[in-house]
Amino acid sequence: MLFYVLLVFGIISLWWHWRARDSMKIINPSGKYIFITGCDTGFGNLAAKIFDKKGFRVFASCLTETGAKGLKAVTSEHLQTVLLDVRDSDRIKKVAAWIKAEVQSEGLWGLINNAGIMGTSAPADWLDIEHFREPIEVNLIGLINVTINMLPLIKKAKGRIVNVSSIGGRLAFSGGGYCPSKFGVEGFNDSLRRDMKAFGVKVCCIQPGLFQTPLTNPAKIMKEKEVIWNKLHPDIKTQYGEDYFQKDAAKKQKLSKMCVNKDISLVVQCMEHALTSLHPRTHYVVGQDAKLFWNPLSRMPAVIQDFMLLRNRGELAVSHAK
């Protein structure tokens, strides 16, 4: 009996110690420089606004003039916007040089690699290589390129790197280039974390589930998928069945409604913890769907993963063939 009492007491003590350690913050974030990519909408846009209010000196990159002007209109004079397409290597170098001139000897405290796209989500035999290339160029190659250009400034500040991945980097729930790009982000993040430890740079990875942002707009995703379906070779349509698209879309919409998280501030809270905690976590799983379904499923045997994911797809006509 005494053993069990001590065991429970030990578990509670460890949990309490972890909570206390997790809540320890840096003394003052005011005046620290951070750079956030992908700030036109979604997570990056909200993060730029919140961190600006908290006193960070924010450099916010946007893809469009409209996004940059809209963000600048609702933030302080300390926040600076810059146009950046992370696929443009020359532009990344110019932005890095500009930031270096701004931060001077202080360095860059935080880099939040948030820029990303969904790309076309469809079975592999519907797609060509360009459908895979675009999300990989943006979500993975662009992220790596931004990071290696900012590393000297981050090392100078002994700062933080926060990579926004996805639960799709743990479990490939759809076809297309999105999940491969996020699996790549996870691999880069882990190797970078180990490379930078000796320099006092902490590297964190955020793994959101399905959140309600322009990136994951179900109507937009289905419309793009329908365009491809309408252009498919008749042989492939026959294999899938003429009513496959409608049935599969209905299942996807049902799953999306069940899983979607509407409060995107949960992701920004993880970004803030990664930037301000004395002991940031290596991984942040965000969203009820990610915590209760996707993350546990990613740790299960492949046969269980396949069963759960395939039951949420339309049934193929070819599966009835003898």
Foldseek 3Di string as FASTA:
>chain_A
DVVVVVVVVVVVVVVVVVVVQLPAWDDAQAAAEEEEEACLWFLNVVLLAVVQVRHYQYEYEHQDPVSQVVSVVRGDPSYHYDYDQLLDLVVLLVVLVVVCVVCPQQFHAEYEYDDFAQFAWADPVLDDVVSQPVRLSRLAVSSVSNCVSRVVRNLSNLHEYEYEAALLLLPVLTDTNRSVSRVNVVVVQVVVQVVCVVSNYHYAYEHEYAEPIPRPDLVVNLVSVVVSVVVDDVVVCQQADVCQSVLLSVLVVVVCVVFYDYDSVQRSVLVVSRGIRPDRDRYHYDGPCRVPPSVVLSPDDPVSVCVVSVVSGGHGPNVPPD
